Amino acid sequence: MKLLLWLILLVLCWPLALLALIIWPIVWLISLPLRAVGIALEGVFALLRAIIMLPARVLGGGGAAR
């Protein structure tokens, strides 16, 4: 009985495994521009945070940065 279940699983799942192998590189290529946008936005937010925190750092409130 276990062998029959394994064979059914093999017959049903190998097309899904092949589909995943084919689609995964396409999904990865599509996500590359989104990652680049995320990195750029992270840099913009870091710059804005540095600009906003600059007066506090100049007045001596940024002890953790030293």
PDB file of N, CA and C in Angstrom:
ATOM      1  N   MET A   1       0.815  -1.189   0.000  1.00  0.00           N
ATOM      2  CA  MET A   1       0.000   0.000   0.000  1.00  0.00           C
ATOM      3  C   MET A   1       0.863   1.259   0.000  1.00  0.00           C
ATOM      4  N   LYS A   2       1.955   1.236   0.791  1.00  0.00           N
ATOM      5  CA  LYS A   2       2.838   2.399   0.835  1.00  0.00           C
ATOM      6  C   LYS A   2       3.492   2.640  -0.518  1.00  0.00           C
ATOM      7  N   LEU A   3       3.872   1.568  -1.181  1.00  0.00           N
ATOM      8  CA  LEU A   3       4.488   1.714  -2.501  1.00  0.00           C
ATOM      9  C   LEU A   3       3.507   2.338  -3.478  1.00  0.00           C
ATOM     10  N   LEU A   4       2.270   1.938  -3.433  1.00  0.00           N
ATOM     11  CA  LEU A   4       1.254   2.504  -4.327  1.00  0.00           C
ATOM     12  C   LEU A   4       1.070   3.994  -4.042  1.00  0.00           C
ATOM     13  N   LEU A   5       1.067   4.374  -2.777  1.00  0.00           N
ATOM     14  CA  LEU A   5       0.940   5.796  -2.436  1.00  0.00           C
ATOM     15  C   LEU A   5       2.150   6.598  -2.919  1.00  0.00           C
ATOM     16  N   TRP A   6       3.327   6.006  -2.781  1.00  0.00           N
ATOM     17  CA  TRP A   6       4.525   6.682  -3.274  1.00  0.00           C
ATOM     18  C   TRP A   6       4.473   6.851  -4.787  1.00  0.00           C
ATOM     19  N   LEU A   7       4.010   5.869  -5.487  1.00  0.00           N
ATOM     20  CA  LEU A   7       3.909   5.973  -6.947  1.00  0.00           C
ATOM     21  C   LEU A   7       2.885   7.023  -7.360  1.00  0.00           C
ATOM     22  N   ILE A   8       1.773   7.087  -6.656  1.00  0.00           N
ATOM     23  CA  ILE A   8       0.779   8.123  -6.951  1.00  0.00           C
ATOM     24  C   ILE A   8       1.365   9.514  -6.691  1.00  0.00           C
ATOM     25  N   LEU A   9       2.074   9.648  -5.596  1.00  0.00           N
ATOM     26  CA  LEU A   9       2.721  10.922  -5.282  1.00  0.00           C
ATOM     27  C   LEU A   9       3.740  11.301  -6.344  1.00  0.00           C
ATOM     28  N   LEU A  10       4.507  10.339  -6.809  1.00  0.00           N
ATOM     29  CA  LEU A  10       5.485  10.590  -7.861  1.00  0.00           C
ATOM     30  C   LEU A  10       4.809  11.058  -9.137  1.00  0.00           C
ATOM     31  N   VAL A  11       3.753  10.397  -9.521  1.00  0.00           N
ATOM     32  CA  VAL A  11       3.051  10.752 -10.760  1.00  0.00           C
ATOM     33  C   VAL A  11       2.419  12.136 -10.650  1.00  0.00           C
ATOM     34  N   LEU A  12       1.909  12.490  -9.479  1.00  0.00           N
ATOM     35  CA  LEU A  12       1.238  13.777  -9.325  1.00  0.00           C
ATOM     36  C   LEU A  12       2.208  14.939  -9.120  1.00  0.00           C
ATOM     37  N   CYS A  13       3.346  14.705  -8.497  1.00  0.00           N
ATOM     38  CA  CYS A  13       4.207  15.813  -8.087  1.00  0.00           C
ATOM     39  C   CYS A  13       5.340  16.132  -9.056  1.00  0.00           C
ATOM     40  N   TRP A  14       5.755  15.215  -9.899  1.00  0.00           N
ATOM     41  CA  TRP A  14       6.890  15.556 -10.752  1.00  0.00           C
ATOM     42  C   TRP A  14       6.558  16.666 -11.744  1.00  0.00           C
ATOM     43  N   PRO A  15       5.322  16.784 -12.248  1.00  0.00           N
ATOM     44  CA  PRO A  15       5.053  17.949 -13.106  1.00  0.00           C
ATOM     45  C   PRO A  15       5.131  19.267 -12.330  1.00  0.00           C
ATOM     46  N   LEU A  16       4.703  19.251 -11.080  1.00  0.00           N
ATOM     47  CA  LEU A  16       4.807  20.468 -10.269  1.00  0.00           C
ATOM     48  C   LEU A  16       6.267  20.834 -10.003  1.00  0.00           C
ATOM     49  N   ALA A  17       7.098  19.839  -9.777  1.00  0.00           N
ATOM     50  CA  ALA A  17       8.520  20.101  -9.549  1.00  0.00           C
ATOM     51  C   ALA A  17       9.175  20.680 -10.803  1.00  0.00           C
ATOM     52  N   LEU A  18       8.859  20.132 -11.960  1.00  0.00           N
ATOM     53  CA  LEU A  18       9.416  20.673 -13.202  1.00  0.00           C
ATOM     54  C   LEU A  18       8.906  22.087 -13.469  1.00  0.00           C
ATOM     55  N   LEU A  19       7.635  22.325 -13.192  1.00  0.00           N
ATOM     56  CA  LEU A  19       7.076  23.660 -13.370  1.00  0.00           C
ATOM     57  C   LEU A  19       7.770  24.668 -12.456  1.00  0.00           C
ATOM     58  N   ALA A  20       8.037  24.265 -11.222  1.00  0.00           N
ATOM     59  CA  ALA A  20       8.739  25.145 -10.297  1.00  0.00           C
ATOM     60  C   ALA A  20      10.160  25.432 -10.782  1.00  0.00           C
ATOM     61  N   LEU A  21      10.835  24.425 -11.331  1.00  0.00           N
ATOM     62  CA  LEU A  21      12.191  24.641 -11.847  1.00  0.00           C
ATOM     63  C   LEU A  21      12.202  25.580 -13.035  1.00  0.00           C
ATOM     64  N   ILE A  22      11.151  25.573 -13.824  1.00  0.00           N
ATOM     65  CA  ILE A  22      11.088  26.442 -14.998  1.00  0.00           C
ATOM     66  C   ILE A  22      10.666  27.858 -14.611  1.00  0.00           C
ATOM     67  N   ILE A  23       9.731  27.984 -13.678  1.00  0.00           N
ATOM     68  CA  ILE A  23       9.185  29.301 -13.339  1.00  0.00           C
ATOM     69  C   ILE A  23      10.087  30.078 -12.382  1.00  0.00           C
ATOM     70  N   TRP A  24      10.831  29.398 -11.526  1.00  0.00           N
ATOM     71  CA  TRP A  24      11.635  30.096 -10.522  1.00  0.00           C
ATOM     72  C   TRP A  24      12.632  31.091 -11.131  1.00  0.00           C
ATOM     73  N   PRO A  25      13.381  30.771 -12.186  1.00  0.00           N
ATOM     74  CA  PRO A  25      14.281  31.786 -12.769  1.00  0.00           C
ATOM     75  C   PRO A  25      13.526  32.984 -13.339  1.00  0.00           C
ATOM     76  N   ILE A  26      12.346  32.760 -13.874  1.00  0.00           N
ATOM     77  CA  ILE A  26      11.559  33.869 -14.411  1.00  0.00           C
ATOM     78  C   ILE A  26      11.113  34.793 -13.283  1.00  0.00           C
ATOM     79  N   VAL A  27      10.667  34.217 -12.182  1.00  0.00           N
ATOM     80  CA  VAL A  27      10.260  35.017 -11.025  1.00  0.00           C
ATOM     81  C   VAL A  27      11.456  35.782 -10.471  1.00  0.00           C
ATOM     82  N   TRP A  28      12.606  35.148 -10.445  1.00  0.00           N
ATOM     83  CA  TRP A  28      13.824  35.804  -9.946  1.00  0.00           C
ATOM     84  C   TRP A  28      14.181  36.997 -10.828  1.00  0.00           C
ATOM     85  N   LEU A  29      14.089  36.827 -12.155  1.00  0.00           N
ATOM     86  CA  LEU A  29      14.402  37.935 -13.066  1.00  0.00           C
ATOM     87  C   LEU A  29      13.416  39.086 -12.913  1.00  0.00           C
ATOM     88  N   ILE A  30      12.162  38.763 -12.680  1.00  0.00           N
ATOM     89  CA  ILE A  30      11.172  39.816 -12.494  1.00  0.00           C
ATOM     90  C   ILE A  30      11.411  40.562 -11.184  1.00  0.00           C
ATOM     91  N   SER A  31      11.889  39.873 -10.164  1.00  0.00           N
ATOM     92  CA  SER A  31      12.086  40.511  -8.868  1.00  0.00           C
ATOM     93  C   SER A  31      13.355  41.375  -8.805  1.00  0.00           C
ATOM     94  N   LEU A  32      14.269  41.238  -9.743  1.00  0.00           N
ATOM     95  CA  LEU A  32      15.504  42.030  -9.689  1.00  0.00           C
ATOM     96  C   LEU A  32      15.248  43.539  -9.709  1.00  0.00           C
ATOM     97  N   PRO A  33      14.414  44.062 -10.620  1.00  0.00           N
ATOM     98  CA  PRO A  33      14.160  45.512 -10.570  1.00  0.00           C
ATOM     99  C   PRO A  33      13.506  45.948  -9.260  1.00  0.00           C
ATOM    100  N   LEU A  34      12.655  45.106  -8.704  1.00  0.00           N
ATOM    101  CA  LEU A  34      12.015  45.461  -7.437  1.00  0.00           C
ATOM    102  C   LEU A  34      13.044  45.521  -6.309  1.00  0.00           C
ATOM    103  N   ARG A  35      14.024  44.645  -6.345  1.00  0.00           N
ATOM    104  CA  ARG A  35      15.099  44.701  -5.342  1.00  0.00           C
ATOM    105  C   ARG A  35      15.912  45.977  -5.499  1.00  0.00           C
ATOM    106  N   ALA A  36      16.187  46.367  -6.742  1.00  0.00           N
ATOM    107  CA  ALA A  36      16.946  47.595  -6.978  1.00  0.00           C
ATOM    108  C   ALA A  36      16.178  48.806  -6.458  1.00  0.00           C
ATOM    109  N   VAL A  37      14.880  48.843  -6.672  1.00  0.00           N
ATOM    110  CA  VAL A  37      14.060  49.941  -6.155  1.00  0.00           C
ATOM    111  C   VAL A  37      14.082  49.932  -4.628  1.00  0.00           C
ATOM    112  N   GLY A  38      14.019  48.765  -4.028  1.00  0.00           N
ATOM    113  CA  GLY A  38      14.074  48.670  -2.571  1.00  0.00           C
ATOM    114  C   GLY A  38      15.386  49.183  -2.003  1.00  0.00           C
ATOM    115  N   ILE A  39      16.485  48.853  -2.657  1.00  0.00           N
ATOM    116  CA  ILE A  39      17.791  49.326  -2.198  1.00  0.00           C
ATOM    117  C   ILE A  39      17.878  50.846  -2.329  1.00  0.00           C
ATOM    118  N   ALA A  40      17.356  51.386  -3.447  1.00  0.00           N
ATOM    119  CA  ALA A  40      17.375  52.833  -3.647  1.00  0.00           C
ATOM    120  C   ALA A  40      16.521  53.546  -2.604  1.00  0.00           C
ATOM    121  N   LEU A  41      15.342  53.014  -2.321  1.00  0.00           N
ATOM    122  CA  LEU A  41      14.480  53.630  -1.307  1.00  0.00           C
ATOM    123  C   LEU A  41      15.096  53.556   0.084  1.00  0.00           C
ATOM    124  N   GLU A  42      15.775  52.467   0.368  1.00  0.00           N
ATOM    125  CA  GLU A  42      16.460  52.356   1.653  1.00  0.00           C
ATOM    126  C   GLU A  42      17.529  53.436   1.783  1.00  0.00           C
ATOM    127  N   GLY A  43      18.244  53.705   0.713  1.00  0.00           N
ATOM    128  CA  GLY A  43      19.242  54.770   0.730  1.00  0.00           C
ATOM    129  C   GLY A  43      18.620  56.145   0.904  1.00  0.00           C
ATOM    130  N   VAL A  44      17.496  56.391   0.243  1.00  0.00           N
ATOM    131  CA  VAL A  44      16.806  57.674   0.382  1.00  0.00           C
ATOM    132  C   VAL A  44      16.334  57.874   1.815  1.00  0.00           C
ATOM    133  N   PHE A  45      15.757  56.835   2.410  1.00  0.00           N
ATOM    134  CA  PHE A  45      15.288  56.959   3.797  1.00  0.00           C
ATOM    135  C   PHE A  45      16.450  57.153   4.761  1.00  0.00           C
ATOM    136  N   ALA A  46      17.570  56.508   4.513  1.00  0.00           N
ATOM    137  CA  ALA A  46      18.744  56.710   5.369  1.00  0.00           C
ATOM    138  C   ALA A  46      19.252  58.146   5.249  1.00  0.00           C
ATOM    139  N   LEU A  47      19.240  58.692   4.035  1.00  0.00           N
ATOM    140  CA  LEU A  47      19.663  60.080   3.837  1.00  0.00           C
ATOM    141  C   LEU A  47      18.720  61.039   4.546  1.00  0.00           C
ATOM    142  N   LEU A  48      17.418  60.818   4.408  1.00  0.00           N
ATOM    143  CA  LEU A  48      16.453  61.680   5.096  1.00  0.00           C
ATOM    144  C   LEU A  48      16.617  61.605   6.610  1.00  0.00           C
ATOM    145  N   ARG A  49      16.835  60.414   7.125  1.00  0.00           N
ATOM    146  CA  ARG A  49      17.034  60.262   8.570  1.00  0.00           C
ATOM    147  C   ARG A  49      18.296  60.988   9.020  1.00  0.00           C
ATOM    148  N   ALA A  50      19.355  60.910   8.219  1.00  0.00           N
ATOM    149  CA  ALA A  50      20.595  61.603   8.578  1.00  0.00           C
ATOM    150  C   ALA A  50      20.399  63.115   8.551  1.00  0.00           C
ATOM    151  N   ILE A  51      19.631  63.612   7.589  1.00  0.00           N
ATOM    152  CA  ILE A  51      19.384  65.055   7.510  1.00  0.00           C
ATOM    153  C   ILE A  51      18.541  65.521   8.695  1.00  0.00           C
ATOM    154  N   ILE A  52      17.522  64.738   9.043  1.00  0.00           N
ATOM    155  CA  ILE A  52      16.650  65.117  10.151  1.00  0.00           C
ATOM    156  C   ILE A  52      17.396  65.047  11.485  1.00  0.00           C
ATOM    157  N   MET A  53      18.274  64.076  11.639  1.00  0.00           N
ATOM    158  CA  MET A  53      18.990  63.909  12.909  1.00  0.00           C
ATOM    159  C   MET A  53      20.242  64.780  13.008  1.00  0.00           C
ATOM    160  N   LEU A  54      20.594  65.502  11.948  1.00  0.00           N
ATOM    161  CA  LEU A  54      21.824  66.291  11.948  1.00  0.00           C
ATOM    162  C   LEU A  54      21.851  67.340  13.062  1.00  0.00           C
ATOM    163  N   PRO A  55      20.782  68.130  13.279  1.00  0.00           N
ATOM    164  CA  PRO A  55      20.864  69.111  14.373  1.00  0.00           C
ATOM    165  C   PRO A  55      21.112  68.466  15.735  1.00  0.00           C
ATOM    166  N   ALA A  56      20.503  67.327  15.985  1.00  0.00           N
ATOM    167  CA  ALA A  56      20.720  66.657  17.273  1.00  0.00           C
ATOM    168  C   ALA A  56      22.162  66.171  17.388  1.00  0.00           C
ATOM    169  N   ARG A  57      22.711  65.701  16.312  1.00  0.00           N
ATOM    170  CA  ARG A  57      24.102  65.228  16.363  1.00  0.00           C
ATOM    171  C   ARG A  57      25.067  66.395  16.547  1.00  0.00           C
ATOM    172  N   VAL A  58      24.754  67.543  15.909  1.00  0.00           N
ATOM    173  CA  VAL A  58      25.620  68.711  16.048  1.00  0.00           C
ATOM    174  C   VAL A  58      25.586  69.243  17.481  1.00  0.00           C
ATOM    175  N   LEU A  59      24.402  69.198  18.103  1.00  0.00           N
ATOM    176  CA  LEU A  59      24.266  69.698  19.470  1.00  0.00           C
ATOM    177  C   LEU A  59      24.739  68.700  20.528  1.00  0.00           C
ATOM    178  N   GLY A  60      25.169  67.527  20.111  1.00  0.00           N
ATOM    179  CA  GLY A  60      25.742  66.589  21.054  1.00  0.00           C
ATOM    180  C   GLY A  60      24.791  65.498  21.505  1.00  0.00           C
ATOM    181  N   GLY A  61      23.689  65.333  20.840  1.00  0.00           N
ATOM    182  CA  GLY A  61      22.736  64.313  21.241  1.00  0.00           C
ATOM    183  C   GLY A  61      23.020  62.958  20.623  1.00  0.00           C
ATOM    184  N   GLY A  62      23.978  62.841  19.731  1.00  0.00           N
ATOM    185  CA  GLY A  62      24.248  61.586  19.041  1.00  0.00           C
ATOM    186  C   GLY A  62      25.421  60.836  19.638  1.00  0.00           C
ATOM    187  N   GLY A  63      25.386  60.525  20.908  1.00  0.00           N
ATOM    188  CA  GLY A  63      26.479  59.836  21.571  1.00  0.00           C
ATOM    189  C   GLY A  63      26.710  58.435  21.026  1.00  0.00           C
ATOM    190  N   ALA A  64      25.664  57.782  20.493  1.00  0.00           N
ATOM    191  CA  ALA A  64      25.809  56.412  19.984  1.00  0.00           C
ATOM    192  C   ALA A  64      26.594  56.376  18.688  1.00  0.00           C
ATOM    193  N   ALA A  65      26.636  57.469  17.942  1.00  0.00           N
ATOM    194  CA  ALA A  65      27.318  57.491  16.652  1.00  0.00           C
ATOM    195  C   ALA A  65      28.829  57.675  16.826  1.00  0.00           C
ATOM    196  N   ARG A  66      29.270  58.054  18.013  1.00  0.00           N
ATOM    197  CA  ARG A  66      30.703  58.317  18.194  1.00  0.00           C
ATOM    198  C   ARG A  66      31.468  57.094  18.541  1.00  0.00           C
TER     199      ARG A  66
END
